[in-house]
N, C-alpha and C. Protein backbone atom coordinates (compact mmCIF):
# COMPACT_ATOMS: atom_id res chain seq x y z
N MET A 1 0.49 -45.43 -235.82
CA MET A 1 1.24 -46.12 -234.82
C MET A 1 0.41 -46.65 -233.54
N GLN A 2 0.74 -47.90 -233.52
CA GLN A 2 -0.28 -48.75 -232.55
C GLN A 2 0.58 -48.80 -231.24
N MET A 3 -0.09 -48.59 -230.11
CA MET A 3 0.59 -48.58 -228.72
C MET A 3 0.66 -50.11 -228.33
N ASN A 4 1.70 -50.57 -227.53
CA ASN A 4 1.85 -51.76 -227.13
C ASN A 4 0.97 -51.84 -225.74
N SER A 5 0.86 -52.86 -225.10
CA SER A 5 -0.03 -52.95 -223.80
C SER A 5 0.57 -51.98 -222.81
N LYS A 6 1.68 -52.04 -222.44
CA LYS A 6 2.41 -51.39 -221.38
C LYS A 6 2.16 -49.56 -221.60
N GLU A 7 2.25 -49.42 -222.83
CA GLU A 7 2.14 -48.17 -223.14
C GLU A 7 0.65 -47.58 -223.20
N ARG A 8 -0.36 -48.52 -223.55
CA ARG A 8 -1.90 -48.46 -223.36
C ARG A 8 -2.22 -48.10 -222.00
N LEU A 9 -1.73 -48.85 -221.06
CA LEU A 9 -2.20 -48.85 -219.71
C LEU A 9 -1.47 -47.55 -218.84
N LYS A 10 -0.21 -47.09 -219.55
CA LYS A 10 0.51 -46.01 -218.91
C LYS A 10 -0.50 -44.81 -219.40
N SER A 11 -0.99 -44.94 -220.47
CA SER A 11 -1.77 -43.71 -220.92
C SER A 11 -3.28 -43.60 -220.30
N LEU A 12 -3.76 -44.91 -219.98
CA LEU A 12 -4.90 -44.74 -219.06
C LEU A 12 -4.60 -44.33 -217.79
N LEU A 13 -3.48 -44.66 -216.98
CA LEU A 13 -3.50 -44.18 -215.77
C LEU A 13 -3.19 -42.62 -215.76
N ASN A 14 -2.32 -42.13 -216.79
CA ASN A 14 -2.02 -40.81 -217.10
C ASN A 14 -3.51 -39.99 -217.22
N ALA A 15 -4.08 -40.42 -218.03
CA ALA A 15 -5.42 -39.95 -218.38
C ALA A 15 -6.58 -39.77 -217.09
N ALA A 16 -6.24 -40.94 -216.07
CA ALA A 16 -6.90 -40.75 -214.82
C ALA A 16 -6.35 -39.90 -213.83
N GLY A 17 -5.10 -39.30 -214.21
CA GLY A 17 -4.53 -38.40 -213.20
C GLY A 17 -3.51 -39.16 -212.26
N LEU A 18 -3.41 -40.42 -212.73
CA LEU A 18 -2.50 -41.36 -211.63
C LEU A 18 -1.10 -41.44 -212.24
N LYS A 19 0.00 -41.54 -211.52
CA LYS A 19 1.24 -41.68 -211.83
C LYS A 19 1.29 -43.61 -212.29
N SER A 20 2.16 -44.08 -213.26
CA SER A 20 2.10 -45.19 -213.47
C SER A 20 3.23 -45.90 -212.71
N SER A 21 2.76 -46.31 -211.55
CA SER A 21 3.68 -47.44 -210.69
C SER A 21 3.65 -48.63 -211.20
N LEU A 22 4.72 -49.41 -210.74
CA LEU A 22 4.81 -50.76 -211.09
C LEU A 22 3.55 -51.49 -210.68
N ILE A 23 3.21 -51.41 -209.45
CA ILE A 23 1.92 -52.53 -208.82
C ILE A 23 1.06 -51.82 -209.76
N ARG A 24 0.60 -50.63 -210.12
CA ARG A 24 -0.57 -50.43 -211.05
C ARG A 24 -0.47 -51.10 -212.26
N LEU A 25 0.68 -50.91 -212.86
CA LEU A 25 0.90 -51.61 -214.27
C LEU A 25 0.67 -53.10 -214.25
N LYS A 26 1.08 -53.67 -213.22
CA LYS A 26 0.99 -55.19 -212.79
C LYS A 26 -0.45 -55.60 -212.66
N VAL A 27 -1.20 -54.74 -211.89
CA VAL A 27 -2.58 -54.98 -211.34
C VAL A 27 -3.44 -55.04 -212.92
N LEU A 28 -3.11 -53.97 -213.52
CA LEU A 28 -3.91 -53.71 -214.84
C LEU A 28 -3.39 -54.82 -215.97
N GLY A 29 -2.34 -55.02 -215.96
CA GLY A 29 -1.78 -55.96 -216.97
C GLY A 29 -2.49 -57.27 -216.63
N ALA A 30 -2.57 -57.79 -215.19
CA ALA A 30 -3.22 -58.89 -215.09
C ALA A 30 -4.85 -58.90 -215.37
N LEU A 31 -5.10 -57.77 -215.56
CA LEU A 31 -6.76 -57.72 -215.75
C LEU A 31 -7.13 -57.31 -217.02
N GLU A 32 -6.26 -56.99 -217.91
CA GLU A 32 -6.36 -56.60 -219.11
C GLU A 32 -7.19 -57.36 -220.02
N ASN A 33 -7.06 -58.73 -220.10
CA ASN A 33 -7.65 -59.45 -220.73
C ASN A 33 -8.86 -60.27 -220.20
N GLU A 34 -9.33 -59.73 -219.05
CA GLU A 34 -10.26 -60.53 -217.87
C GLU A 34 -11.51 -59.78 -218.31
N SER A 35 -12.37 -60.13 -219.32
CA SER A 35 -13.57 -59.56 -219.32
C SER A 35 -14.70 -59.81 -218.13
N GLU A 36 -14.48 -60.93 -217.75
CA GLU A 36 -15.37 -61.32 -216.53
C GLU A 36 -14.86 -60.58 -215.05
N GLY A 37 -13.48 -60.38 -215.15
CA GLY A 37 -12.82 -59.72 -214.00
C GLY A 37 -12.54 -60.92 -213.12
N LEU A 38 -11.36 -60.24 -212.00
CA LEU A 38 -10.85 -61.26 -211.12
C LEU A 38 -11.19 -60.76 -209.61
N SER A 39 -11.31 -61.74 -208.57
CA SER A 39 -11.45 -61.31 -207.26
C SER A 39 -9.94 -60.81 -206.70
N THR A 40 -9.64 -60.27 -205.59
CA THR A 40 -8.53 -59.97 -205.23
C THR A 40 -7.74 -61.10 -205.09
N SER A 41 -8.38 -62.09 -204.39
CA SER A 41 -7.91 -63.41 -204.36
C SER A 41 -7.13 -64.02 -205.50
N GLN A 42 -8.08 -64.10 -206.69
CA GLN A 42 -7.67 -64.60 -207.91
C GLN A 42 -6.51 -63.74 -208.36
N LEU A 43 -6.67 -62.31 -208.23
CA LEU A 43 -5.63 -61.56 -208.75
C LEU A 43 -4.28 -61.93 -208.15
N HIS A 44 -4.28 -61.95 -206.85
CA HIS A 44 -3.08 -62.20 -206.05
C HIS A 44 -2.40 -63.62 -206.63
N ILE A 45 -3.13 -64.59 -206.69
CA ILE A 45 -2.64 -65.95 -207.26
C ILE A 45 -1.95 -65.76 -208.57
N ARG A 46 -2.69 -65.14 -209.30
CA ARG A 46 -2.46 -64.90 -210.82
C ARG A 46 -0.89 -64.37 -210.87
N LEU A 47 -0.96 -63.23 -210.04
CA LEU A 47 0.31 -62.40 -210.06
C LEU A 47 1.68 -63.30 -209.33
N LEU A 48 1.26 -64.03 -208.29
CA LEU A 48 2.27 -65.15 -207.66
C LEU A 48 2.63 -65.88 -208.54
N LEU A 49 1.77 -66.51 -209.60
CA LEU A 49 2.08 -67.61 -210.40
C LEU A 49 2.99 -67.06 -211.69
N SER A 50 2.92 -65.64 -211.87
CA SER A 50 3.62 -65.04 -212.93
C SER A 50 4.93 -64.46 -212.48
N GLY A 51 5.25 -64.78 -210.96
CA GLY A 51 6.55 -64.59 -210.37
C GLY A 51 6.79 -63.27 -209.55
N GLU A 52 5.53 -62.54 -209.57
CA GLU A 52 5.41 -61.19 -208.85
C GLU A 52 5.35 -61.56 -207.51
N SER A 53 5.99 -61.07 -206.61
CA SER A 53 5.69 -61.13 -205.34
C SER A 53 5.34 -59.90 -204.48
N LEU A 54 3.91 -59.82 -204.77
CA LEU A 54 3.18 -58.60 -204.04
C LEU A 54 2.19 -58.88 -203.14
N GLU A 55 2.18 -58.33 -202.00
CA GLU A 55 1.23 -58.50 -200.64
C GLU A 55 -0.24 -58.35 -201.40
N ARG A 56 -1.11 -59.20 -200.56
CA ARG A 56 -2.47 -59.00 -201.01
C ARG A 56 -3.08 -57.61 -200.61
N ALA A 57 -2.60 -56.93 -199.59
CA ALA A 57 -2.91 -55.83 -198.85
C ALA A 57 -2.74 -54.83 -200.10
N ASN A 58 -1.35 -54.78 -200.49
CA ASN A 58 -1.13 -53.77 -201.56
C ASN A 58 -1.73 -53.63 -202.97
N ILE A 59 -1.92 -55.15 -203.00
CA ILE A 59 -2.90 -55.26 -204.30
C ILE A 59 -4.49 -54.75 -204.09
N ARG A 60 -5.06 -54.95 -202.80
CA ARG A 60 -6.26 -54.33 -202.55
C ARG A 60 -6.20 -53.08 -202.58
N GLU A 61 -5.20 -52.16 -202.01
CA GLU A 61 -5.14 -50.93 -201.78
C GLU A 61 -5.00 -50.26 -203.35
N THR A 62 -4.19 -50.98 -204.13
CA THR A 62 -4.02 -50.51 -205.51
C THR A 62 -5.39 -50.61 -206.38
N ILE A 63 -6.07 -51.72 -206.03
CA ILE A 63 -7.68 -51.79 -206.69
C ILE A 63 -8.39 -50.43 -206.11
N TYR A 64 -8.48 -50.39 -204.95
CA TYR A 64 -9.35 -49.46 -204.29
C TYR A 64 -9.04 -48.09 -205.06
N ARG A 65 -7.73 -47.65 -205.04
CA ARG A 65 -7.19 -46.20 -205.79
C ARG A 65 -7.70 -46.37 -207.22
N LEU A 66 -7.39 -47.26 -207.98
CA LEU A 66 -7.89 -47.47 -209.26
C LEU A 66 -9.67 -47.28 -209.55
N MET A 67 -10.21 -48.07 -208.64
CA MET A 67 -11.79 -47.84 -208.44
C MET A 67 -12.04 -46.36 -208.33
N ALA A 68 -11.28 -45.70 -207.33
CA ALA A 68 -11.70 -44.23 -206.97
C ALA A 68 -11.55 -43.34 -208.16
N HIS A 69 -10.75 -43.70 -209.05
CA HIS A 69 -10.42 -42.94 -210.32
C HIS A 69 -11.05 -43.45 -211.53
N LYS A 70 -11.92 -44.33 -211.16
CA LYS A 70 -12.95 -45.02 -212.39
C LYS A 70 -12.21 -45.78 -213.25
N VAL A 71 -11.04 -46.34 -212.99
CA VAL A 71 -10.15 -46.92 -213.93
C VAL A 71 -10.65 -48.61 -214.20
N LEU A 72 -11.14 -49.04 -212.80
CA LEU A 72 -11.76 -50.28 -212.44
C LEU A 72 -13.04 -50.18 -212.17
N THR A 73 -13.85 -51.32 -212.46
CA THR A 73 -15.19 -51.36 -211.98
C THR A 73 -15.45 -52.74 -211.19
N GLN A 74 -16.31 -52.74 -210.37
CA GLN A 74 -16.40 -53.93 -209.43
C GLN A 74 -17.91 -54.42 -209.53
N SER A 75 -17.91 -55.95 -209.98
CA SER A 75 -19.32 -56.41 -210.17
C SER A 75 -19.91 -56.66 -208.76
N GLY A 76 -20.95 -57.33 -208.82
CA GLY A 76 -21.54 -57.62 -207.50
C GLY A 76 -20.71 -58.76 -206.75
N ASN A 77 -20.39 -59.52 -207.60
CA ASN A 77 -19.56 -60.87 -206.92
C ASN A 77 -18.15 -60.38 -206.66
N ARG A 78 -17.85 -59.00 -206.26
CA ARG A 78 -16.43 -58.59 -205.97
C ARG A 78 -15.35 -58.97 -206.93
N ARG A 79 -15.72 -58.91 -208.19
CA ARG A 79 -14.54 -59.06 -209.18
C ARG A 79 -14.37 -58.05 -209.99
N TYR A 80 -12.98 -57.77 -210.22
CA TYR A 80 -12.74 -56.34 -210.62
C TYR A 80 -12.31 -56.59 -211.91
N ARG A 81 -12.70 -55.58 -212.80
CA ARG A 81 -12.05 -55.43 -214.38
C ARG A 81 -11.75 -54.07 -214.73
N ILE A 82 -11.02 -53.73 -215.87
CA ILE A 82 -10.97 -52.53 -216.31
C ILE A 82 -12.27 -52.13 -216.74
N ASN A 83 -12.39 -50.72 -216.56
CA ASN A 83 -13.70 -49.97 -216.90
C ASN A 83 -13.53 -49.72 -218.47
N THR A 84 -14.31 -50.27 -219.32
CA THR A 84 -14.44 -50.17 -220.75
C THR A 84 -15.05 -48.99 -221.22
N GLU A 85 -15.85 -48.63 -220.27
CA GLU A 85 -16.80 -47.33 -220.42
C GLU A 85 -16.00 -46.33 -219.90
N TRP A 86 -14.89 -46.14 -219.53
CA TRP A 86 -14.23 -45.07 -218.82
C TRP A 86 -13.95 -43.85 -219.90
N ASN A 87 -14.16 -42.53 -219.47
CA ASN A 87 -13.82 -41.50 -220.23
C ASN A 87 -12.91 -40.68 -219.18
N SER A 88 -11.92 -39.92 -219.61
CA SER A 88 -11.06 -39.23 -218.86
C SER A 88 -12.09 -37.95 -218.17
N PRO A 89 -11.69 -37.54 -217.21
CA PRO A 89 -12.43 -36.56 -216.52
C PRO A 89 -12.01 -35.15 -217.26
N PRO A 90 -12.84 -34.31 -217.38
CA PRO A 90 -12.54 -32.83 -218.08
C PRO A 90 -11.28 -32.34 -217.09
N ARG A 91 -10.46 -31.71 -217.85
CA ARG A 91 -9.46 -30.87 -217.34
C ARG A 91 -9.61 -29.36 -217.13
């Protein structure tokens, strides 16, 4: 049985020990198919264009939390993407 995108993102958050809040799912959903990643500003614009009214500060805070749990990585040019090499921490 294959998981859909939302289930996969929820599973990723759960494995990282994070609750699957709406903003986390929206941020991860926007980054899901971005191999090069997006900057905070680009991510904010993408979410606004898709009809989401999220504050840039909230997006930034969410990014930092996801990075702290190794769900996201940051490139040298401050672009964020889902960490494809992420392994869940031992429990």
